[in-house]
Amino acid sequence: MLPSNPTITQLATVISQATAPAFLLGALAAFIAILISRLNRIIDRGVSSEANVNDLKDKLRLKARAELISRAIMWAVASSIATALLLIVAFGIAFFNLPHEYGVGLLFVVALGAFTLSLINLAREVQLAVMDFEHFG
């Protein structure tokens, strides 16, 4: 049984509180696109180096970089899912006029935690890329 319609004040509050997660979701989408681009470059380099070089060390370095970027993508996707759930919960709970601070707060912490893990994996991959550049340079 649905309660009475939410008031405009309730909806306005939820919309104003949803602004930060909505921006985070947009930033995550752009971030995932960048990560996928990096992964594509690593894969392309691996395919072209297979034709030219059979150095096992080079292949292992590329594989390690691809694994780190792949983990970064998975954590960024997890962050995006948590952020989307946060928005769904915030609006869904507004219709029932229930307190949502703990649920929304927890989802926001999960989203930021996953985003942080994604950034850590990206930083590790960048370190490997710089080491590769110094190795070949």
C-alpha atoms as a PDB file:
ATOM      1  CA  MET A   1       0.000   0.000   0.000  1.00  0.00           C
ATOM      2  CA  LEU A   2       1.465   3.301  -1.106  1.00  0.00           C
ATOM      3  CA  PRO A   3       1.274   6.246   1.256  1.00  0.00           C
ATOM      4  CA  SER A   4      -0.117   9.562   0.197  1.00  0.00           C
ATOM      5  CA  ASN A   5       1.734  11.334  -2.576  1.00  0.00           C
ATOM      6  CA  PRO A   6       5.062  12.854  -1.555  1.00  0.00           C
ATOM      7  CA  THR A   7       4.992  16.588  -1.166  1.00  0.00           C
ATOM      8  CA  ILE A   8       6.837  18.900  -3.485  1.00  0.00           C
ATOM      9  CA  THR A   9       9.112  19.754  -0.560  1.00  0.00           C
ATOM     10  CA  GLN A  10      10.088  16.096  -0.132  1.00  0.00           C
ATOM     11  CA  LEU A  11      10.827  15.725  -3.832  1.00  0.00           C
ATOM     12  CA  ALA A  12      12.738  19.002  -3.971  1.00  0.00           C
ATOM     13  CA  THR A  13      14.884  17.847  -1.055  1.00  0.00           C
ATOM     14  CA  VAL A  14      15.635  14.516  -2.716  1.00  0.00           C
ATOM     15  CA  ILE A  15      16.441  16.194  -6.024  1.00  0.00           C
ATOM     16  CA  SER A  16      18.801  18.649  -4.349  1.00  0.00           C
ATOM     17  CA  GLN A  17      20.492  15.801  -2.470  1.00  0.00           C
ATOM     18  CA  ALA A  18      20.789  13.773  -5.672  1.00  0.00           C
ATOM     19  CA  THR A  19      22.896  16.416  -7.417  1.00  0.00           C
ATOM     20  CA  ALA A  20      26.279  15.221  -6.126  1.00  0.00           C
ATOM     21  CA  PRO A  21      25.644  11.531  -6.914  1.00  0.00           C
ATOM     22  CA  ALA A  22      24.368  12.485 -10.365  1.00  0.00           C
ATOM     23  CA  PHE A  23      27.580  14.404 -11.078  1.00  0.00           C
ATOM     24  CA  LEU A  24      29.592  11.481  -9.715  1.00  0.00           C
ATOM     25  CA  LEU A  25      27.756   9.146 -12.079  1.00  0.00           C
ATOM     26  CA  GLY A  26      28.588  11.386 -15.051  1.00  0.00           C
ATOM     27  CA  ALA A  27      32.233  11.591 -13.999  1.00  0.00           C
ATOM     28  CA  LEU A  28      32.382   7.811 -13.612  1.00  0.00           C
ATOM     29  CA  ALA A  29      31.008   7.333 -17.127  1.00  0.00           C
ATOM     30  CA  ALA A  30      33.755   9.559 -18.548  1.00  0.00           C
ATOM     31  CA  PHE A  31      36.355   7.835 -16.353  1.00  0.00           C
ATOM     32  CA  ILE A  32      35.280   4.388 -17.576  1.00  0.00           C
ATOM     33  CA  ALA A  33      35.581   5.593 -21.176  1.00  0.00           C
ATOM     34  CA  ILE A  34      39.167   6.692 -20.471  1.00  0.00           C
ATOM     35  CA  LEU A  35      39.987   3.370 -18.819  1.00  0.00           C
ATOM     36  CA  ILE A  36      38.553   1.423 -21.751  1.00  0.00           C
ATOM     37  CA  SER A  37      40.625   3.549 -24.129  1.00  0.00           C
ATOM     38  CA  ARG A  38      43.774   2.720 -22.131  1.00  0.00           C
ATOM     39  CA  LEU A  39      42.878  -0.977 -22.178  1.00  0.00           C
ATOM     40  CA  ASN A  40      42.373  -0.856 -25.947  1.00  0.00           C
ATOM     41  CA  ARG A  41      45.812   0.733 -26.394  1.00  0.00           C
ATOM     42  CA  ILE A  42      47.415  -1.966 -24.238  1.00  0.00           C
ATOM     43  CA  ILE A  43      45.669  -4.708 -26.202  1.00  0.00           C
ATOM     44  CA  ASP A  44      46.644  -3.121 -29.530  1.00  0.00           C
ATOM     45  CA  ARG A  45      50.239  -2.854 -28.368  1.00  0.00           C
ATOM     46  CA  GLY A  46      50.167  -6.493 -27.269  1.00  0.00           C
ATOM     47  CA  VAL A  47      48.799  -7.636 -30.608  1.00  0.00           C
ATOM     48  CA  SER A  48      51.350  -5.610 -32.595  1.00  0.00           C
ATOM     49  CA  SER A  49      54.233  -6.679 -30.349  1.00  0.00           C
ATOM     50  CA  GLU A  50      53.315 -10.347 -30.783  1.00  0.00           C
ATOM     51  CA  ALA A  51      54.023  -9.990 -34.471  1.00  0.00           C
ATOM     52  CA  ASN A  52      57.334  -8.208 -33.830  1.00  0.00           C
ATOM     53  CA  VAL A  53      58.738  -9.317 -30.489  1.00  0.00           C
ATOM     54  CA  ASN A  54      58.636 -12.589 -28.656  1.00  0.00           C
ATOM     55  CA  ASP A  55      60.133 -11.199 -25.467  1.00  0.00           C
ATOM     56  CA  LEU A  56      58.376 -12.860 -22.550  1.00  0.00           C
ATOM     57  CA  LYS A  57      59.132  -9.930 -20.217  1.00  0.00           C
ATOM     58  CA  ASP A  58      57.356  -7.477 -22.517  1.00  0.00           C
ATOM     59  CA  LYS A  59      54.313  -9.741 -22.755  1.00  0.00           C
ATOM     60  CA  LEU A  60      54.189 -10.139 -18.978  1.00  0.00           C
ATOM     61  CA  ARG A  61      54.413  -6.372 -18.470  1.00  0.00           C
ATOM     62  CA  LEU A  62      51.564  -5.781 -20.917  1.00  0.00           C
ATOM     63  CA  LYS A  63      49.517  -8.518 -19.273  1.00  0.00           C
ATOM     64  CA  ALA A  64      50.072  -6.947 -15.833  1.00  0.00           C
ATOM     65  CA  ARG A  65      49.034  -3.540 -17.162  1.00  0.00           C
ATOM     66  CA  ALA A  66      45.924  -5.000 -18.816  1.00  0.00           C
ATOM     67  CA  GLU A  67      44.955  -6.756 -15.584  1.00  0.00           C
ATOM     68  CA  LEU A  68      45.318  -3.546 -13.571  1.00  0.00           C
ATOM     69  CA  ILE A  69      43.222  -1.546 -16.016  1.00  0.00           C
ATOM     70  CA  SER A  70      40.656  -4.321 -16.132  1.00  0.00           C
ATOM     71  CA  ARG A  71      40.397  -4.203 -12.312  1.00  0.00           C
ATOM     72  CA  ALA A  72      40.142  -0.411 -12.465  1.00  0.00           C
ATOM     73  CA  ILE A  73      37.243  -0.743 -14.929  1.00  0.00           C
ATOM     74  CA  MET A  74      35.475  -3.285 -12.711  1.00  0.00           C
ATOM     75  CA  TRP A  75      35.830  -1.063  -9.623  1.00  0.00           C
ATOM     76  CA  ALA A  76      34.621   1.981 -11.586  1.00  0.00           C
ATOM     77  CA  VAL A  77      31.601  -0.022 -12.782  1.00  0.00           C
ATOM     78  CA  ALA A  78      30.938  -1.151  -9.192  1.00  0.00           C
ATOM     79  CA  SER A  79      31.101   2.492  -8.112  1.00  0.00           C
ATOM     80  CA  SER A  80      28.667   3.438 -10.874  1.00  0.00           C
ATOM     81  CA  ILE A  81      26.244   0.709  -9.807  1.00  0.00           C
ATOM     82  CA  ALA A  82      26.415   1.814  -6.163  1.00  0.00           C
ATOM     83  CA  THR A  83      25.814   5.418  -7.228  1.00  0.00           C
ATOM     84  CA  ALA A  84      22.852   4.436  -9.408  1.00  0.00           C
ATOM     85  CA  LEU A  85      21.414   2.397  -6.524  1.00  0.00           C
ATOM     86  CA  LEU A  86      21.930   5.401  -4.263  1.00  0.00           C
ATOM     87  CA  LEU A  87      19.803   7.536  -6.582  1.00  0.00           C
ATOM     88  CA  ILE A  88      17.132   4.837  -6.891  1.00  0.00           C
ATOM     89  CA  VAL A  89      16.966   4.376  -3.121  1.00  0.00           C
ATOM     90  CA  ALA A  90      16.834   8.123  -2.494  1.00  0.00           C
ATOM     91  CA  PHE A  91      13.900   8.636  -4.840  1.00  0.00           C
ATOM     92  CA  GLY A  92      12.162   5.395  -3.887  1.00  0.00           C
ATOM     93  CA  ILE A  93      12.352   6.150  -0.179  1.00  0.00           C
ATOM     94  CA  ALA A  94      10.995   9.674  -0.778  1.00  0.00           C
ATOM     95  CA  PHE A  95       7.719   8.141  -1.914  1.00  0.00           C
ATOM     96  CA  PHE A  96       7.396   6.307   1.403  1.00  0.00           C
ATOM     97  CA  ASN A  97       8.530   9.291   3.484  1.00  0.00           C
ATOM     98  CA  LEU A  98      11.025   7.107   5.354  1.00  0.00           C
ATOM     99  CA  PRO A  99      14.424   8.088   6.724  1.00  0.00           C
ATOM    100  CA  HIS A 100      17.065   7.280   4.136  1.00  0.00           C
ATOM    101  CA  GLU A 101      20.219   8.772   5.592  1.00  0.00           C
ATOM    102  CA  TYR A 102      21.853   5.488   6.610  1.00  0.00           C
ATOM    103  CA  GLY A 103      21.117   3.635   3.373  1.00  0.00           C
ATOM    104  CA  VAL A 104      22.089   6.508   1.118  1.00  0.00           C
ATOM    105  CA  GLY A 105      25.146   7.291   3.238  1.00  0.00           C
ATOM    106  CA  LEU A 106      26.293   3.670   3.105  1.00  0.00           C
ATOM    107  CA  LEU A 107      25.821   3.481  -0.661  1.00  0.00           C
ATOM    108  CA  PHE A 108      27.754   6.726  -1.102  1.00  0.00           C
ATOM    109  CA  VAL A 109      30.635   5.342   0.983  1.00  0.00           C
ATOM    110  CA  VAL A 110      30.587   2.129  -1.080  1.00  0.00           C
ATOM    111  CA  ALA A 111      30.591   4.143  -4.317  1.00  0.00           C
ATOM    112  CA  LEU A 112      33.513   6.305  -3.212  1.00  0.00           C
ATOM    113  CA  GLY A 113      35.404   3.290  -1.879  1.00  0.00           C
ATOM    114  CA  ALA A 114      35.071   1.458  -5.192  1.00  0.00           C
ATOM    115  CA  PHE A 115      36.070   4.633  -7.051  1.00  0.00           C
ATOM    116  CA  THR A 116      39.152   4.915  -4.840  1.00  0.00           C
ATOM    117  CA  LEU A 117      40.130   1.311  -5.602  1.00  0.00           C
ATOM    118  CA  SER A 118      39.696   2.060  -9.293  1.00  0.00           C
ATOM    119  CA  LEU A 119      41.995   5.080  -9.011  1.00  0.00           C
ATOM    120  CA  ILE A 120      44.584   3.001  -7.144  1.00  0.00           C
ATOM    121  CA  ASN A 121      44.592   0.406  -9.929  1.00  0.00           C
ATOM    122  CA  LEU A 122      44.919   3.157 -12.529  1.00  0.00           C
ATOM    123  CA  ALA A 123      47.855   4.664 -10.623  1.00  0.00           C
ATOM    124  CA  ARG A 124      49.569   1.271 -10.478  1.00  0.00           C
ATOM    125  CA  GLU A 125      49.058   0.790 -14.216  1.00  0.00           C
ATOM    126  CA  VAL A 126      50.467   4.250 -14.934  1.00  0.00           C
ATOM    127  CA  GLN A 127      53.548   3.373 -12.871  1.00  0.00           C
ATOM    128  CA  LEU A 128      54.057   0.253 -14.995  1.00  0.00           C
ATOM    129  CA  ALA A 129      53.571   2.283 -18.172  1.00  0.00           C
ATOM    130  CA  VAL A 130      56.225   4.786 -17.053  1.00  0.00           C
ATOM    131  CA  MET A 131      58.584   1.939 -16.178  1.00  0.00           C
ATOM    132  CA  ASP A 132      57.995   0.468 -19.650  1.00  0.00           C
ATOM    133  CA  PHE A 133      58.751   3.848 -21.204  1.00  0.00           C
ATOM    134  CA  GLU A 134      61.983   4.137 -19.213  1.00  0.00           C
ATOM    135  CA  HIS A 135      62.849   0.551 -20.156  1.00  0.00           C
ATOM    136  CA  PHE A 136      62.407   1.192 -23.888  1.00  0.00           C
ATOM    137  CA  GLY A 137      63.514   4.832 -23.878  1.00  0.00           C
END
